[in-house]
Amino acid sequence: MTPRQACLASLQRIAPSVLEAALWVSAEHDPEFSMPHGLQIVEDLKRQISATLPMLPASELAQPLLRRLSTLGFQQDDGSQPKPQTALLHKILQRRRGQPLGLAIVALEVARRLEIPLEGVNFPGHFLLRVPGADHLLDPCGGRRLYPKDCRELLVRQFGPQMQLKAEHMVRATEMAMVQRLSRNLRHLHQMNDDFLAALKDADRVLELGQATTSDHLARASLYQTLECPQAERFDLEHALLLSDDPIQRLRLTERLSHLPPNAAIH
């Protein structure tokens, strides 16, 4: 079984594992990565944190868990030049620095092993966490509580005043959605760092995970354009055209398609 197949299989089980799926993504990019070693790091973290949590009901332990992880060094990587290592989970486990989504995946797995209720929230621009039923969200980077006013301010800081807080921003993230978001992040980071073949792996995975958007097809088309694969670029542009409901974008896609060579004949 290839790392890609193992990643998808981890998400298709009755009890899907986002941690294992994310580590298989790491294995796809780093052949030297050892899955047992990654899982052992998480188990060691669980034991270390379990011994220091306060004597509280499980429903009140999520924030202490996140604070303990922060104390142990699991914090957001604020480097001026983002690298793929800020999103690859095995690197986050080694460096204890990373993007909010990666930190959240670590926290979710430790919480699961300690039977602490916690779920992911696919918040735009900054992945968040929540105790099911709570009236606030939690920042995976330290455990700060975020109420609706804080969430609106977070959106404004990242996207500007035109971005409005919506109910869809606060819904639970499925394991599949988390790995797809991870793959989009990695696609972007690998492309920023001119590793186009690695970015293509991530772009392929995004589409395999389902519910791909117009932007997903355009992102892969851009990679194929850079790699000078016009037939593959055409495939994604045609799919983007089918998915787009923006008249101006559809015109631009049609124009771009007209400049590509026609599909090769099949004999």
Protein backbone atom coordinates (compact mmCIF):
# COMPACT_ATOMS: atom_id res chain seq x y z
CA MET A 1 0.00 0.00 0.00
CA THR A 2 1.40 3.40 -0.97
CA PRO A 3 1.41 6.34 1.48
CA ARG A 4 -1.42 7.93 -0.56
CA GLN A 5 -3.52 4.77 -0.34
CA ALA A 6 -2.79 4.45 3.38
CA CYS A 7 -3.78 8.09 3.90
CA LEU A 8 -7.15 7.56 2.23
CA ALA A 9 -7.68 4.26 4.07
CA SER A 10 -7.08 6.03 7.41
CA LEU A 11 -10.00 8.33 6.62
CA GLN A 12 -12.36 5.64 5.35
CA ARG A 13 -12.38 3.54 8.51
CA ILE A 14 -15.40 3.47 10.83
CA ALA A 15 -13.28 5.49 13.26
CA PRO A 16 -11.20 7.69 10.91
CA SER A 17 -7.82 8.93 12.13
CA VAL A 18 -6.80 12.39 10.99
CA LEU A 19 -3.45 11.99 12.76
CA GLU A 20 -2.55 8.84 10.84
CA ALA A 21 -3.77 10.35 7.57
CA ALA A 22 -1.65 13.46 8.16
CA LEU A 23 1.39 11.34 9.00
CA TRP A 24 0.91 9.35 5.79
CA VAL A 25 0.97 12.70 3.96
CA SER A 26 4.36 13.24 5.62
CA ALA A 27 5.48 9.80 4.47
CA GLU A 28 4.53 10.67 0.90
CA HIS A 29 6.88 13.65 1.00
CA ASP A 30 9.62 12.17 3.17
CA PRO A 31 10.53 8.51 2.44
CA GLU A 32 12.75 8.43 5.55
CA PHE A 33 9.86 9.19 7.90
CA SER A 34 8.89 6.30 10.21
CA MET A 35 5.18 6.02 11.02
CA PRO A 36 5.80 4.04 14.27
CA HIS A 37 8.18 6.77 15.42
CA GLY A 38 5.58 9.48 14.80
CA LEU A 39 2.90 7.58 16.68
CA GLN A 40 5.30 6.96 19.57
CA ILE A 41 5.96 10.71 19.91
CA VAL A 42 2.23 11.30 20.30
CA GLU A 43 1.89 8.48 22.84
CA ASP A 44 4.78 9.93 24.86
CA LEU A 45 3.09 13.34 24.76
CA LYS A 46 -0.14 11.81 26.03
CA ARG A 47 1.62 10.24 29.00
CA GLN A 48 3.53 13.41 29.80
CA ILE A 49 0.44 15.61 29.66
CA SER A 50 -1.83 13.16 31.46
CA ALA A 51 0.37 13.32 34.54
CA THR A 52 0.08 17.11 34.80
CA LEU A 53 -3.58 17.88 34.00
CA PRO A 54 -5.74 19.23 36.84
CA MET A 55 -8.41 17.10 38.49
CA LEU A 56 -11.38 18.43 36.53
CA PRO A 57 -14.25 16.88 34.56
CA ALA A 58 -13.14 15.78 31.06
CA SER A 59 -15.30 18.50 29.47
CA GLU A 60 -13.17 21.16 31.23
CA LEU A 61 -9.76 19.77 30.31
CA ALA A 62 -9.44 20.94 26.68
CA GLN A 63 -8.04 24.38 27.52
CA PRO A 64 -5.57 23.03 30.14
CA LEU A 65 -4.46 20.48 27.53
CA LEU A 66 -3.80 23.20 24.95
CA ARG A 67 -1.97 25.33 27.49
CA ARG A 68 0.19 22.37 28.48
CA LEU A 69 1.06 21.68 24.84
CA SER A 70 2.06 25.34 24.48
CA THR A 71 4.24 25.10 27.58
CA LEU A 72 5.94 22.08 26.03
CA GLY A 73 6.80 24.20 22.99
CA PHE A 74 3.96 23.48 20.58
CA GLN A 75 3.44 26.98 19.22
CA GLN A 76 2.67 28.69 15.94
CA ASP A 77 5.61 29.06 13.57
CA ASP A 78 5.76 32.76 12.70
CA GLY A 79 8.73 32.57 10.35
CA SER A 80 8.86 35.33 7.75
CA GLN A 81 9.39 32.80 4.95
CA PRO A 82 6.83 29.97 5.36
CA LYS A 83 8.22 26.52 4.60
CA PRO A 84 6.49 23.15 4.10
CA GLN A 85 7.90 22.03 7.46
CA THR A 86 5.35 24.32 9.14
CA ALA A 87 2.55 22.10 7.81
CA LEU A 88 4.09 18.60 7.58
CA LEU A 89 2.99 16.85 10.75
CA HIS A 90 6.14 14.84 11.37
CA LYS A 91 8.16 18.06 11.26
CA ILE A 92 5.73 19.71 13.68
CA LEU A 93 6.17 16.80 16.09
CA GLN A 94 9.96 17.15 15.81
CA ARG A 95 10.21 20.94 15.94
CA ARG A 96 7.12 21.66 18.08
CA ARG A 97 6.38 24.57 15.77
CA GLY A 98 3.84 24.76 12.98
CA GLN A 99 0.64 26.09 11.47
CA PRO A 100 -2.55 26.16 13.58
CA LEU A 101 -4.01 23.18 11.69
CA GLY A 102 -1.02 20.95 12.45
CA LEU A 103 -1.01 21.99 16.11
CA ALA A 104 -4.74 21.27 16.23
CA ILE A 105 -4.27 17.77 14.79
CA VAL A 106 -1.74 16.98 17.52
CA ALA A 107 -4.08 18.35 20.20
CA LEU A 108 -7.08 16.44 18.83
CA GLU A 109 -5.18 13.15 18.94
CA VAL A 110 -3.86 13.68 22.46
CA ALA A 111 -7.38 14.68 23.56
CA ARG A 112 -8.82 11.55 21.95
CA ARG A 113 -6.35 9.32 23.76
CA LEU A 114 -7.17 11.03 27.07
CA GLU A 115 -10.93 10.90 26.38
CA ILE A 116 -11.19 14.71 26.44
CA PRO A 117 -14.02 15.96 24.15
CA LEU A 118 -12.61 18.23 21.44
CA GLU A 119 -13.40 18.87 17.79
CA GLY A 120 -11.94 20.85 14.91
CA VAL A 121 -13.56 23.95 13.40
CA ASN A 122 -12.71 24.86 9.79
CA PHE A 123 -12.46 28.58 10.49
CA PRO A 124 -11.15 30.66 7.54
CA GLY A 125 -7.46 31.49 7.71
CA HIS A 126 -6.84 30.04 11.18
CA PHE A 127 -8.00 26.57 12.15
CA LEU A 128 -9.72 26.48 15.54
CA LEU A 129 -10.97 23.96 18.10
CA ARG A 130 -14.08 23.60 20.25
CA VAL A 131 -15.44 21.52 23.08
CA PRO A 132 -18.76 20.19 21.68
CA GLY A 133 -21.61 22.34 22.96
CA ALA A 134 -19.39 25.16 24.26
CA ASP A 135 -20.25 28.83 23.59
CA HIS A 136 -16.68 29.64 22.56
CA LEU A 137 -13.87 28.33 20.36
CA LEU A 138 -10.28 27.59 21.33
CA ASP A 139 -7.10 28.68 19.57
CA PRO A 140 -4.85 25.62 19.09
CA CYS A 141 -1.89 27.97 19.51
CA GLY A 142 -2.04 28.30 23.28
CA GLY A 143 -5.69 27.64 24.10
CA ARG A 144 -7.08 31.20 24.13
CA ARG A 145 -10.88 31.34 24.26
CA LEU A 146 -12.54 33.00 21.29
CA TYR A 147 -16.11 34.27 21.49
CA PRO A 148 -18.07 35.54 18.44
CA LYS A 149 -16.64 39.07 18.84
CA ASP A 150 -13.09 37.64 18.89
CA CYS A 151 -13.85 35.53 15.81
CA ARG A 152 -15.09 38.59 13.92
CA GLU A 153 -11.91 40.46 14.85
CA LEU A 154 -9.81 37.50 13.70
CA LEU A 155 -11.54 37.53 10.31
CA VAL A 156 -11.05 41.29 9.91
CA ARG A 157 -7.33 41.02 10.74
CA GLN A 158 -6.83 38.32 8.13
CA PHE A 159 -9.23 39.27 5.34
CA GLY A 160 -10.25 42.88 5.91
CA PRO A 161 -13.51 44.53 7.06
CA GLN A 162 -15.49 43.19 4.10
CA MET A 163 -15.31 39.64 5.50
CA GLN A 164 -18.38 38.81 7.56
CA LEU A 165 -18.65 36.06 10.18
CA LYS A 166 -21.03 33.34 9.01
CA ALA A 167 -22.53 30.27 10.65
CA GLU A 168 -20.67 28.06 8.16
CA HIS A 169 -17.37 29.31 9.60
CA MET A 170 -18.21 27.71 12.95
CA VAL A 171 -19.21 24.18 11.94
CA ARG A 172 -17.32 21.06 12.94
CA ALA A 173 -14.55 20.01 10.53
CA THR A 174 -14.63 16.39 9.42
CA GLU A 175 -11.43 14.38 9.33
CA MET A 176 -11.60 14.41 5.52
CA ALA A 177 -11.95 18.19 5.48
CA MET A 178 -8.94 18.60 7.77
CA VAL A 179 -6.67 16.50 5.57
CA GLN A 180 -7.92 18.31 2.48
CA ARG A 181 -7.15 21.65 4.11
CA LEU A 182 -3.72 20.33 5.10
CA SER A 183 -3.14 19.29 1.48
CA ARG A 184 -4.14 22.75 0.22
CA ASN A 185 -1.76 24.36 2.70
CA LEU A 186 1.08 22.10 1.58
CA ARG A 187 0.30 22.68 -2.09
CA HIS A 188 0.64 26.40 -1.50
CA LEU A 189 3.82 26.10 0.57
CA HIS A 190 5.56 23.74 -1.85
CA GLN A 191 4.65 25.99 -4.77
CA MET A 192 5.92 29.08 -2.91
CA ASN A 193 9.22 27.26 -2.40
CA ASP A 194 9.45 26.20 -6.09
CA ASP A 195 9.00 22.48 -5.37
CA PHE A 196 6.43 21.99 -8.09
CA LEU A 197 6.46 18.20 -8.15
CA ALA A 198 5.76 18.08 -4.41
CA ALA A 199 3.01 20.67 -4.88
CA LEU A 200 1.51 18.50 -7.61
CA LYS A 201 1.31 15.57 -5.17
CA ASP A 202 -0.65 17.77 -2.80
CA ALA A 203 -2.87 19.11 -5.58
CA ASP A 204 -3.70 15.55 -6.67
CA ARG A 205 -4.53 14.59 -3.08
CA VAL A 206 -6.88 17.56 -2.71
CA LEU A 207 -8.92 16.30 -5.64
CA GLU A 208 -8.84 12.68 -4.47
CA LEU A 209 -10.30 13.71 -1.12
CA GLY A 210 -13.45 14.93 -2.86
CA GLN A 211 -15.54 18.10 -3.20
CA ALA A 212 -12.84 19.91 -5.14
CA THR A 213 -13.55 23.55 -5.98
CA THR A 214 -12.91 25.67 -9.04
CA SER A 215 -9.86 27.06 -7.21
CA ASP A 216 -8.51 23.55 -6.65
CA HIS A 217 -8.63 22.76 -10.36
CA LEU A 218 -7.12 26.14 -11.22
CA ALA A 219 -4.29 25.57 -8.75
CA ARG A 220 -3.41 22.24 -10.34
CA ALA A 221 -3.76 23.72 -13.82
CA SER A 222 -1.22 26.39 -12.81
CA LEU A 223 1.21 23.66 -11.73
CA TYR A 224 0.73 21.77 -14.98
CA GLN A 225 1.33 25.01 -16.88
CA THR A 226 4.62 25.51 -15.00
CA LEU A 227 5.59 21.89 -15.67
CA GLU A 228 4.66 22.29 -19.37
CA CYS A 229 1.93 19.63 -19.43
CA PRO A 230 -0.72 21.28 -21.64
CA GLN A 231 -3.07 18.28 -21.89
CA ALA A 232 -3.24 17.91 -18.12
CA GLU A 233 -3.64 21.68 -17.81
CA ARG A 234 -6.58 21.51 -20.25
CA PHE A 235 -8.26 18.80 -18.16
CA ASP A 236 -8.27 20.99 -15.05
CA LEU A 237 -9.27 24.15 -16.88
CA GLU A 238 -12.25 22.33 -18.39
CA HIS A 239 -13.30 21.08 -14.97
CA ALA A 240 -12.87 24.57 -13.50
CA LEU A 241 -15.09 25.90 -16.28
CA LEU A 242 -17.79 23.36 -15.44
CA LEU A 243 -17.69 24.27 -11.73
CA SER A 244 -17.50 28.05 -12.09
CA ASP A 245 -20.62 30.19 -11.79
CA ASP A 246 -18.76 33.47 -12.33
CA PRO A 247 -19.44 34.78 -15.89
CA ILE A 248 -16.20 36.78 -16.04
CA GLN A 249 -14.15 33.82 -14.84
CA ARG A 250 -15.86 31.56 -17.37
CA LEU A 251 -14.92 33.95 -20.19
CA ARG A 252 -11.30 34.02 -19.05
CA LEU A 253 -11.17 30.24 -18.80
CA THR A 254 -12.65 29.85 -22.27
CA GLU A 255 -10.04 32.27 -23.63
CA ARG A 256 -7.23 30.42 -21.87
CA LEU A 257 -8.44 27.08 -23.21
CA SER A 258 -8.48 28.44 -26.74
CA HIS A 259 -4.71 29.01 -26.56
CA LEU A 260 -3.92 25.42 -25.55
CA PRO A 261 -3.29 22.68 -28.11
CA PRO A 262 -6.31 20.43 -28.70
CA ASN A 263 -6.55 17.08 -26.93
CA ALA A 264 -4.34 14.48 -28.54
CA ALA A 265 -6.19 11.88 -30.57
CA ILE A 266 -6.48 8.42 -29.04
CA HIS A 267 -5.61 5.51 -31.37
